[in-house]
């Protein structure tokens, strides 16, 4: 487990499956997440995801985010792609429990993830992306030290409209 001020990043547990499925099938939440996640997701798909995290079959690092005080699963974050040659890691994060939105839990989790990647994995750069309309995420990322590196114009099609995808990064200093 890896600890922040408000959260810990831990391995997924069997009891997280139903709550994770509830989060991932929430339309409002999915609007802000990558288009690579199937929607809606089935219970079987979520169970397979949790199982794959235990064996780290794809070389990915994914963590459940738990509120330290309430000992409650509230979301997830992870490293989706690692280039060991260039030492660049690509990350993602999701606070699924809406009661925790806008209260610093995402920033705290991201800071813990950044520390893990730079200190334990010895990466030199972390990259992520966010949709231009996801102001809450962009605020979180800039608060954590990420800077906009580029913009993919009209990259995402959601709700009948095209949106930009922002590419952000932070370097190990």
N, C-alpha and C. Protein backbone atom coordinates (compact mmCIF):
# COMPACT_ATOMS: atom_id res chain seq x y z
N UNK A 1 0.84 -1.19 0.00
CA UNK A 1 0.00 0.00 0.00
C UNK A 1 0.88 1.24 0.00
N UNK A 2 0.34 2.28 -0.63
CA UNK A 2 1.03 3.55 -0.72
C UNK A 2 0.09 4.61 -0.16
N UNK A 3 0.63 5.45 0.74
CA UNK A 3 -0.22 6.36 1.50
C UNK A 3 -0.02 7.82 1.15
N UNK A 4 -1.14 8.54 1.11
CA UNK A 4 -1.15 9.98 1.00
C UNK A 4 -1.73 10.55 2.28
N UNK A 5 -2.16 11.80 2.23
CA UNK A 5 -2.78 12.41 3.40
C UNK A 5 -4.23 11.96 3.60
N UNK A 6 -4.95 11.74 2.48
CA UNK A 6 -6.36 11.39 2.55
C UNK A 6 -6.66 9.98 2.06
N UNK A 7 -5.77 9.44 1.22
CA UNK A 7 -6.05 8.15 0.58
C UNK A 7 -4.87 7.21 0.67
N UNK A 8 -5.17 5.95 0.41
CA UNK A 8 -4.10 4.99 0.16
C UNK A 8 -4.39 4.32 -1.17
N UNK A 9 -3.33 3.95 -1.86
CA UNK A 9 -3.45 3.18 -3.09
C UNK A 9 -3.13 1.75 -2.71
N UNK A 10 -4.04 0.84 -3.03
CA UNK A 10 -3.88 -0.56 -2.64
C UNK A 10 -4.31 -1.46 -3.79
N UNK A 11 -4.05 -2.74 -3.62
CA UNK A 11 -4.50 -3.73 -4.60
C UNK A 11 -6.02 -3.81 -4.57
N UNK A 12 -6.60 -4.14 -5.71
CA UNK A 12 -8.04 -4.37 -5.76
C UNK A 12 -8.40 -5.62 -4.98
N UNK A 13 -9.59 -5.59 -4.37
CA UNK A 13 -10.12 -6.73 -3.62
C UNK A 13 -11.41 -7.20 -4.30
N UNK A 14 -11.77 -8.44 -4.03
CA UNK A 14 -13.01 -9.00 -4.59
C UNK A 14 -14.22 -8.12 -4.24
N UNK A 15 -14.23 -7.59 -3.02
CA UNK A 15 -15.38 -6.79 -2.59
C UNK A 15 -15.48 -5.44 -3.30
N UNK A 16 -14.45 -5.05 -4.06
CA UNK A 16 -14.49 -3.81 -4.83
C UNK A 16 -15.27 -3.96 -6.14
N UNK A 17 -15.48 -5.20 -6.58
CA UNK A 17 -16.01 -5.45 -7.93
C UNK A 17 -17.35 -4.77 -8.18
N UNK A 18 -18.31 -4.97 -7.29
CA UNK A 18 -19.65 -4.40 -7.53
C UNK A 18 -19.62 -2.88 -7.52
N UNK A 19 -18.87 -2.29 -6.61
CA UNK A 19 -18.78 -0.83 -6.55
C UNK A 19 -18.05 -0.30 -7.78
N UNK A 20 -16.98 -0.98 -8.19
CA UNK A 20 -16.24 -0.57 -9.39
C UNK A 20 -17.14 -0.63 -10.62
N UNK A 21 -17.95 -1.66 -10.72
CA UNK A 21 -18.88 -1.80 -11.84
C UNK A 21 -19.91 -0.67 -11.82
N UNK A 22 -20.39 -0.34 -10.63
CA UNK A 22 -21.33 0.78 -10.49
C UNK A 22 -20.69 2.08 -10.97
N UNK A 23 -19.44 2.32 -10.56
CA UNK A 23 -18.74 3.53 -10.99
C UNK A 23 -18.58 3.57 -12.51
N UNK A 24 -18.08 2.48 -13.08
CA UNK A 24 -17.71 2.46 -14.48
C UNK A 24 -18.93 2.49 -15.40
N UNK A 25 -20.10 2.13 -14.87
CA UNK A 25 -21.32 2.18 -15.67
C UNK A 25 -22.15 3.43 -15.42
N UNK A 26 -21.58 4.39 -14.71
CA UNK A 26 -22.24 5.67 -14.47
C UNK A 26 -21.99 6.58 -15.68
N UNK A 27 -23.06 6.99 -16.35
CA UNK A 27 -22.92 7.80 -17.58
C UNK A 27 -22.17 9.11 -17.34
N UNK A 28 -22.46 9.78 -16.25
CA UNK A 28 -21.80 11.06 -15.97
C UNK A 28 -20.30 10.88 -15.79
N UNK A 29 -19.93 9.82 -15.09
CA UNK A 29 -18.51 9.53 -14.87
C UNK A 29 -17.83 9.12 -16.18
N UNK A 30 -18.47 8.23 -16.93
CA UNK A 30 -17.87 7.72 -18.17
C UNK A 30 -17.68 8.81 -19.22
N UNK A 31 -18.48 9.86 -19.14
CA UNK A 31 -18.34 10.98 -20.07
C UNK A 31 -16.92 11.54 -20.04
N UNK A 32 -16.28 11.46 -18.87
CA UNK A 32 -14.96 12.04 -18.69
C UNK A 32 -13.81 11.06 -18.88
N UNK A 33 -14.12 9.78 -19.04
CA UNK A 33 -13.06 8.77 -19.13
C UNK A 33 -12.76 8.40 -20.58
N UNK A 34 -11.64 7.74 -20.75
CA UNK A 34 -11.19 7.31 -22.07
C UNK A 34 -12.26 6.53 -22.82
N UNK A 35 -12.25 6.65 -24.10
CA UNK A 35 -13.20 5.92 -24.94
C UNK A 35 -12.79 4.46 -25.10
N UNK A 36 -11.65 4.06 -24.52
CA UNK A 36 -11.17 2.68 -24.63
C UNK A 36 -11.84 1.73 -23.65
N UNK A 37 -12.54 2.27 -22.65
CA UNK A 37 -13.22 1.44 -21.66
C UNK A 37 -14.60 1.09 -22.22
N UNK A 38 -14.96 -0.21 -22.25
CA UNK A 38 -16.28 -0.58 -22.78
C UNK A 38 -17.40 -0.02 -21.91
N UNK A 39 -18.46 0.42 -22.57
CA UNK A 39 -19.61 0.96 -21.84
C UNK A 39 -20.89 0.45 -22.49
N UNK A 40 -21.80 -0.13 -21.76
CA UNK A 40 -21.64 -0.49 -20.35
C UNK A 40 -20.72 -1.70 -20.20
N UNK A 41 -20.14 -1.82 -19.03
CA UNK A 41 -19.26 -2.95 -18.73
C UNK A 41 -20.09 -4.02 -17.99
N UNK A 42 -19.80 -5.26 -18.28
CA UNK A 42 -20.52 -6.36 -17.63
C UNK A 42 -19.81 -6.76 -16.34
N UNK A 43 -20.52 -7.48 -15.49
CA UNK A 43 -19.93 -7.99 -14.25
C UNK A 43 -18.74 -8.89 -14.58
N UNK A 44 -18.88 -9.74 -15.59
CA UNK A 44 -17.79 -10.64 -15.99
C UNK A 44 -16.55 -9.84 -16.39
N UNK A 45 -16.73 -8.76 -17.18
CA UNK A 45 -15.59 -7.95 -17.61
C UNK A 45 -14.88 -7.31 -16.41
N UNK A 46 -15.65 -6.83 -15.46
CA UNK A 46 -15.06 -6.21 -14.27
C UNK A 46 -14.34 -7.26 -13.42
N UNK A 47 -14.93 -8.44 -13.28
CA UNK A 47 -14.27 -9.52 -12.54
C UNK A 47 -12.95 -9.91 -13.20
N UNK A 48 -12.94 -9.99 -14.52
CA UNK A 48 -11.71 -10.32 -15.25
C UNK A 48 -10.65 -9.24 -15.07
N UNK A 49 -11.09 -7.97 -15.06
CA UNK A 49 -10.15 -6.87 -14.83
C UNK A 49 -9.50 -7.01 -13.46
N UNK A 50 -10.31 -7.25 -12.43
CA UNK A 50 -9.78 -7.39 -11.07
C UNK A 50 -8.81 -8.57 -10.99
N UNK A 51 -9.18 -9.69 -11.60
CA UNK A 51 -8.29 -10.87 -11.61
C UNK A 51 -6.97 -10.55 -12.31
N UNK A 52 -7.04 -9.83 -13.42
CA UNK A 52 -5.82 -9.51 -14.17
C UNK A 52 -4.90 -8.62 -13.36
N UNK A 53 -5.46 -7.80 -12.47
CA UNK A 53 -4.64 -6.92 -11.64
C UNK A 53 -3.86 -7.72 -10.61
N UNK A 54 -4.43 -8.80 -10.15
CA UNK A 54 -3.74 -9.64 -9.16
C UNK A 54 -2.52 -10.32 -9.76
N UNK A 55 -2.61 -10.67 -11.04
CA UNK A 55 -1.49 -11.37 -11.67
C UNK A 55 -0.62 -10.45 -12.51
N UNK A 56 -1.05 -9.19 -12.65
CA UNK A 56 -0.32 -8.20 -13.45
C UNK A 56 0.03 -8.77 -14.83
N UNK A 57 -0.98 -9.36 -15.47
CA UNK A 57 -0.79 -10.05 -16.74
C UNK A 57 -0.28 -9.14 -17.86
N UNK A 58 -0.67 -7.90 -17.87
CA UNK A 58 -0.31 -7.01 -18.97
C UNK A 58 0.84 -6.07 -18.62
N UNK A 59 1.44 -6.23 -17.46
CA UNK A 59 2.51 -5.33 -17.06
C UNK A 59 2.00 -3.96 -16.65
N UNK A 60 0.72 -3.88 -16.33
CA UNK A 60 0.13 -2.62 -15.89
C UNK A 60 0.11 -2.59 -14.36
N UNK A 61 0.07 -1.41 -13.82
CA UNK A 61 -0.04 -1.23 -12.38
C UNK A 61 -1.33 -0.46 -12.14
N UNK A 62 -2.31 -1.12 -11.55
CA UNK A 62 -3.57 -0.45 -11.24
C UNK A 62 -3.86 -0.60 -9.75
N UNK A 63 -4.34 0.49 -9.18
CA UNK A 63 -4.58 0.55 -7.75
C UNK A 63 -6.01 0.98 -7.45
N UNK A 64 -6.58 0.41 -6.40
CA UNK A 64 -7.83 0.91 -5.85
C UNK A 64 -7.47 2.11 -4.98
N UNK A 65 -8.31 3.13 -5.01
CA UNK A 65 -8.12 4.30 -4.15
C UNK A 65 -9.08 4.15 -2.98
N UNK A 66 -8.53 4.21 -1.78
CA UNK A 66 -9.33 4.04 -0.57
C UNK A 66 -9.21 5.27 0.32
N UNK A 67 -10.34 5.76 0.80
CA UNK A 67 -10.36 6.85 1.76
C UNK A 67 -9.77 6.32 3.07
N UNK A 68 -8.70 6.95 3.54
CA UNK A 68 -8.02 6.48 4.75
C UNK A 68 -8.92 6.52 5.98
N UNK A 69 -9.71 7.58 6.11
CA UNK A 69 -10.53 7.74 7.30
C UNK A 69 -11.70 6.75 7.32
N UNK A 70 -12.44 6.66 6.22
CA UNK A 70 -13.63 5.81 6.17
C UNK A 70 -13.31 4.37 5.77
N UNK A 71 -12.07 4.11 5.34
CA UNK A 71 -11.67 2.77 4.86
C UNK A 71 -12.61 2.30 3.74
N UNK A 72 -12.89 3.22 2.82
CA UNK A 72 -13.89 2.99 1.77
C UNK A 72 -13.24 3.09 0.40
N UNK A 73 -13.58 2.16 -0.50
CA UNK A 73 -13.12 2.19 -1.88
C UNK A 73 -13.85 3.31 -2.61
N UNK A 74 -13.09 4.26 -3.20
CA UNK A 74 -13.73 5.42 -3.84
C UNK A 74 -13.35 5.59 -5.31
N UNK A 75 -12.42 4.80 -5.82
CA UNK A 75 -12.03 4.96 -7.22
C UNK A 75 -10.80 4.14 -7.54
N UNK A 76 -10.17 4.49 -8.65
CA UNK A 76 -9.00 3.75 -9.07
C UNK A 76 -8.04 4.61 -9.86
N UNK A 77 -6.80 4.19 -9.91
CA UNK A 77 -5.80 4.87 -10.71
C UNK A 77 -4.77 3.85 -11.16
N UNK A 78 -4.01 4.22 -12.15
CA UNK A 78 -3.02 3.25 -12.59
C UNK A 78 -2.10 3.74 -13.67
N UNK A 79 -1.16 2.87 -13.96
CA UNK A 79 -0.16 3.11 -14.99
C UNK A 79 -0.52 2.18 -16.13
N UNK A 80 -0.97 2.77 -17.23
CA UNK A 80 -1.51 1.99 -18.34
C UNK A 80 -0.49 1.63 -19.39
N UNK A 81 0.60 2.35 -19.41
CA UNK A 81 1.63 2.09 -20.42
C UNK A 81 2.97 2.54 -19.85
N UNK A 82 3.98 1.70 -19.98
CA UNK A 82 5.32 2.04 -19.52
C UNK A 82 6.29 1.80 -20.66
N UNK A 83 7.06 2.82 -20.98
CA UNK A 83 8.14 2.66 -21.95
C UNK A 83 9.44 2.68 -21.14
N UNK A 84 10.00 1.49 -20.92
CA UNK A 84 11.19 1.38 -20.08
C UNK A 84 12.42 1.96 -20.77
N UNK A 85 12.42 2.02 -22.08
CA UNK A 85 13.56 2.58 -22.81
C UNK A 85 13.65 4.09 -22.61
N UNK A 86 12.52 4.78 -22.80
CA UNK A 86 12.51 6.24 -22.63
C UNK A 86 12.16 6.66 -21.21
N UNK A 87 11.73 5.68 -20.38
CA UNK A 87 11.34 5.91 -18.99
C UNK A 87 10.17 6.90 -18.88
N UNK A 88 9.15 6.62 -19.69
CA UNK A 88 7.92 7.41 -19.69
C UNK A 88 6.75 6.50 -19.33
N UNK A 89 5.94 6.95 -18.37
CA UNK A 89 4.76 6.19 -17.95
C UNK A 89 3.50 7.01 -18.26
N UNK A 90 2.47 6.32 -18.71
CA UNK A 90 1.18 6.95 -18.98
C UNK A 90 0.20 6.51 -17.91
N UNK A 91 -0.53 7.46 -17.33
CA UNK A 91 -1.40 7.17 -16.20
C UNK A 91 -2.84 7.59 -16.44
N UNK A 92 -3.71 7.11 -15.57
CA UNK A 92 -5.10 7.51 -15.55
C UNK A 92 -5.63 7.42 -14.14
N UNK A 93 -6.70 8.16 -13.87
CA UNK A 93 -7.29 8.16 -12.54
C UNK A 93 -8.79 8.38 -12.65
N UNK A 94 -9.53 7.82 -11.69
CA UNK A 94 -10.97 7.99 -11.64
C UNK A 94 -11.42 7.99 -10.18
N UNK A 95 -12.05 9.06 -9.77
CA UNK A 95 -12.74 9.06 -8.47
C UNK A 95 -14.19 8.76 -8.81
N UNK A 96 -14.63 7.56 -8.49
CA UNK A 96 -15.96 7.11 -8.88
C UNK A 96 -17.06 7.54 -7.94
N UNK A 97 -16.73 7.68 -6.67
CA UNK A 97 -17.71 8.08 -5.67
C UNK A 97 -17.88 9.60 -5.71
N UNK A 98 -19.03 10.04 -6.18
CA UNK A 98 -19.25 11.48 -6.39
C UNK A 98 -19.20 12.30 -5.10
N UNK A 99 -19.40 11.66 -3.95
CA UNK A 99 -19.28 12.37 -2.68
C UNK A 99 -17.86 12.87 -2.45
N UNK A 100 -16.90 12.33 -3.18
CA UNK A 100 -15.50 12.69 -3.01
C UNK A 100 -14.99 13.63 -4.11
N UNK A 101 -15.85 14.03 -5.02
CA UNK A 101 -15.45 14.92 -6.11
C UNK A 101 -15.18 16.33 -5.56
N UNK A 102 -14.13 16.94 -6.06
CA UNK A 102 -13.82 18.33 -5.73
C UNK A 102 -13.35 18.56 -4.31
N UNK A 103 -12.88 17.51 -3.63
CA UNK A 103 -12.47 17.64 -2.23
C UNK A 103 -11.00 17.28 -2.01
N UNK A 104 -10.24 17.16 -3.10
CA UNK A 104 -8.81 16.92 -2.97
C UNK A 104 -8.39 15.46 -2.94
N UNK A 105 -9.33 14.54 -3.01
CA UNK A 105 -8.98 13.11 -2.97
C UNK A 105 -8.27 12.68 -4.25
N UNK A 106 -8.71 13.20 -5.39
CA UNK A 106 -8.04 12.88 -6.65
C UNK A 106 -6.62 13.42 -6.69
N UNK A 107 -6.44 14.65 -6.22
CA UNK A 107 -5.10 15.25 -6.18
C UNK A 107 -4.18 14.46 -5.26
N UNK A 108 -4.70 14.06 -4.12
CA UNK A 108 -3.89 13.29 -3.17
C UNK A 108 -3.50 11.94 -3.78
N UNK A 109 -4.45 11.27 -4.40
CA UNK A 109 -4.16 9.99 -5.05
C UNK A 109 -3.13 10.17 -6.16
N UNK A 110 -3.27 11.22 -6.95
CA UNK A 110 -2.33 11.46 -8.04
C UNK A 110 -0.93 11.74 -7.50
N UNK A 111 -0.83 12.49 -6.40
CA UNK A 111 0.48 12.76 -5.80
C UNK A 111 1.15 11.47 -5.34
N UNK A 112 0.36 10.55 -4.77
CA UNK A 112 0.90 9.26 -4.33
C UNK A 112 1.37 8.46 -5.54
N UNK A 113 0.58 8.47 -6.61
CA UNK A 113 0.95 7.75 -7.83
C UNK A 113 2.21 8.34 -8.45
N UNK A 114 2.32 9.65 -8.49
CA UNK A 114 3.51 10.32 -9.02
C UNK A 114 4.75 9.89 -8.23
N UNK A 115 4.63 9.92 -6.91
CA UNK A 115 5.76 9.52 -6.06
C UNK A 115 6.18 8.08 -6.34
N UNK A 116 5.21 7.18 -6.46
CA UNK A 116 5.50 5.77 -6.76
C UNK A 116 6.25 5.65 -8.10
N UNK A 117 5.77 6.35 -9.10
CA UNK A 117 6.36 6.24 -10.44
C UNK A 117 7.77 6.81 -10.47
N UNK A 118 7.98 7.96 -9.88
CA UNK A 118 9.31 8.58 -9.91
C UNK A 118 10.29 7.89 -8.96
N UNK A 119 9.86 7.54 -7.78
CA UNK A 119 10.78 6.97 -6.79
C UNK A 119 10.96 5.46 -6.91
N UNK A 120 9.87 4.73 -7.08
CA UNK A 120 9.97 3.26 -7.12
C UNK A 120 10.27 2.72 -8.52
N UNK A 121 9.75 3.38 -9.53
CA UNK A 121 9.95 2.89 -10.90
C UNK A 121 11.08 3.62 -11.63
N UNK A 122 11.54 4.73 -11.05
CA UNK A 122 12.62 5.52 -11.63
C UNK A 122 12.30 6.02 -13.04
N UNK A 123 11.06 6.44 -13.24
CA UNK A 123 10.66 7.04 -14.52
C UNK A 123 11.12 8.49 -14.55
N UNK A 124 11.30 9.04 -15.74
CA UNK A 124 11.70 10.44 -15.87
C UNK A 124 10.54 11.35 -16.25
N UNK A 125 9.43 10.73 -16.75
CA UNK A 125 8.30 11.53 -17.22
C UNK A 125 7.01 10.74 -17.04
N UNK A 126 5.96 11.46 -16.67
CA UNK A 126 4.62 10.88 -16.58
C UNK A 126 3.72 11.68 -17.51
N UNK A 127 2.92 10.94 -18.25
CA UNK A 127 2.03 11.58 -19.23
C UNK A 127 0.60 11.12 -18.95
N UNK A 128 -0.36 11.98 -19.29
CA UNK A 128 -1.77 11.63 -19.21
C UNK A 128 -2.54 12.49 -20.18
N UNK A 129 -3.81 12.18 -20.35
CA UNK A 129 -4.65 13.01 -21.22
C UNK A 129 -5.98 13.27 -20.54
N UNK A 130 -6.62 14.35 -20.95
CA UNK A 130 -7.94 14.71 -20.42
C UNK A 130 -8.71 15.42 -21.52
N UNK A 131 -10.01 15.25 -21.50
CA UNK A 131 -10.84 15.95 -22.46
C UNK A 131 -10.93 17.43 -22.08
N UNK A 132 -11.01 18.29 -23.07
CA UNK A 132 -10.99 19.74 -22.82
C UNK A 132 -12.14 20.20 -21.94
N UNK A 133 -13.26 19.49 -21.94
CA UNK A 133 -14.41 19.89 -21.13
C UNK A 133 -14.32 19.42 -19.67
N UNK A 134 -13.33 18.60 -19.36
CA UNK A 134 -13.21 18.04 -18.00
C UNK A 134 -12.36 18.98 -17.13
N UNK A 135 -12.97 20.10 -16.77
CA UNK A 135 -12.27 21.15 -16.03
C UNK A 135 -11.78 20.68 -14.66
N UNK A 136 -12.57 19.84 -14.01
CA UNK A 136 -12.18 19.34 -12.68
C UNK A 136 -10.88 18.54 -12.76
N UNK A 137 -10.77 17.68 -13.77
CA UNK A 137 -9.55 16.88 -13.95
C UNK A 137 -8.37 17.77 -14.30
N UNK A 138 -8.57 18.71 -15.21
CA UNK A 138 -7.47 19.59 -15.62
C UNK A 138 -6.96 20.40 -14.42
N UNK A 139 -7.87 20.84 -13.56
CA UNK A 139 -7.48 21.58 -12.35
C UNK A 139 -6.66 20.67 -11.43
N UNK A 140 -7.10 19.44 -11.26
CA UNK A 140 -6.38 18.46 -10.42
C UNK A 140 -4.97 18.24 -10.96
N UNK A 141 -4.85 18.02 -12.26
CA UNK A 141 -3.55 17.71 -12.85
C UNK A 141 -2.58 18.89 -12.76
N UNK A 142 -3.06 20.09 -13.01
CA UNK A 142 -2.16 21.25 -12.91
C UNK A 142 -1.77 21.49 -11.45
N UNK A 143 -2.69 21.24 -10.53
CA UNK A 143 -2.39 21.35 -9.10
C UNK A 143 -1.26 20.39 -8.71
N UNK A 144 -1.22 19.24 -9.36
CA UNK A 144 -0.19 18.22 -9.08
C UNK A 144 1.11 18.46 -9.83
N UNK A 145 1.16 19.50 -10.65
CA UNK A 145 2.40 19.84 -11.34
C UNK A 145 2.46 19.49 -12.81
N UNK A 146 1.40 18.92 -13.36
CA UNK A 146 1.37 18.61 -14.79
C UNK A 146 1.23 19.89 -15.60
N UNK A 147 1.83 19.89 -16.77
CA UNK A 147 1.71 21.01 -17.70
C UNK A 147 1.19 20.50 -19.03
N UNK A 148 0.43 21.35 -19.72
CA UNK A 148 -0.09 20.97 -21.03
C UNK A 148 1.06 20.92 -22.02
N UNK A 149 1.18 19.77 -22.67
CA UNK A 149 2.25 19.55 -23.64
C UNK A 149 1.73 19.68 -25.06
N UNK A 150 0.46 19.41 -25.24
CA UNK A 150 -0.12 19.48 -26.57
C UNK A 150 -1.62 19.31 -26.54
N UNK A 151 -2.22 19.59 -27.69
CA UNK A 151 -3.66 19.47 -27.84
C UNK A 151 -3.95 18.69 -29.12
N UNK A 152 -4.76 17.66 -29.00
CA UNK A 152 -5.23 16.92 -30.17
C UNK A 152 -6.60 17.50 -30.51
N UNK A 153 -6.66 18.29 -31.55
CA UNK A 153 -7.87 19.01 -31.93
C UNK A 153 -8.98 18.06 -32.38
N UNK A 154 -10.19 18.32 -31.90
CA UNK A 154 -11.37 17.54 -32.29
C UNK A 154 -11.11 16.04 -32.28
N UNK A 155 -10.45 15.55 -31.26
CA UNK A 155 -10.03 14.15 -31.17
C UNK A 155 -11.13 13.21 -30.68
N UNK A 156 -12.01 13.73 -29.83
CA UNK A 156 -13.01 12.91 -29.16
C UNK A 156 -14.41 13.31 -29.63
N UNK A 157 -15.23 12.32 -29.91
CA UNK A 157 -16.62 12.56 -30.29
C UNK A 157 -17.52 12.05 -29.17
N UNK A 158 -18.18 12.98 -28.50
CA UNK A 158 -19.07 12.64 -27.38
C UNK A 158 -20.33 13.46 -27.49
N UNK A 159 -21.45 12.83 -27.27
CA UNK A 159 -22.75 13.51 -27.26
C UNK A 159 -22.97 14.37 -28.50
N UNK A 160 -22.59 13.84 -29.65
CA UNK A 160 -22.85 14.52 -30.92
C UNK A 160 -21.93 15.69 -31.23
N UNK A 161 -20.81 15.80 -30.51
CA UNK A 161 -19.91 16.94 -30.71
C UNK A 161 -18.46 16.49 -30.58
N UNK A 162 -17.57 17.17 -31.29
CA UNK A 162 -16.13 16.89 -31.19
C UNK A 162 -15.49 17.77 -30.12
N UNK A 163 -14.53 17.18 -29.40
CA UNK A 163 -13.81 17.90 -28.35
C UNK A 163 -12.31 17.66 -28.50
N UNK A 164 -11.54 18.60 -27.96
CA UNK A 164 -10.09 18.45 -27.94
C UNK A 164 -9.68 17.50 -26.82
N UNK A 165 -8.56 16.83 -27.04
CA UNK A 165 -7.95 16.01 -26.00
C UNK A 165 -6.64 16.68 -25.61
N UNK A 166 -6.51 16.99 -24.33
CA UNK A 166 -5.33 17.67 -23.82
C UNK A 166 -4.30 16.63 -23.37
N UNK A 167 -3.05 16.81 -23.78
CA UNK A 167 -1.96 15.93 -23.37
C UNK A 167 -1.14 16.70 -22.33
N UNK A 168 -0.98 16.13 -21.15
CA UNK A 168 -0.25 16.78 -20.07
C UNK A 168 0.88 15.88 -19.61
N UNK A 169 1.92 16.50 -19.04
CA UNK A 169 3.03 15.70 -18.53
C UNK A 169 3.70 16.41 -17.35
N UNK A 170 4.46 15.61 -16.62
CA UNK A 170 5.28 16.12 -15.52
C UNK A 170 6.60 15.36 -15.58
N UNK A 171 7.69 16.07 -15.30
CA UNK A 171 9.02 15.47 -15.33
C UNK A 171 9.55 15.27 -13.93
N UNK A 172 10.35 14.24 -13.75
CA UNK A 172 11.03 13.96 -12.50
C UNK A 172 12.19 14.95 -12.38
N UNK A 173 12.15 15.77 -11.36
CA UNK A 173 13.19 16.80 -11.22
C UNK A 173 14.12 16.47 -10.09
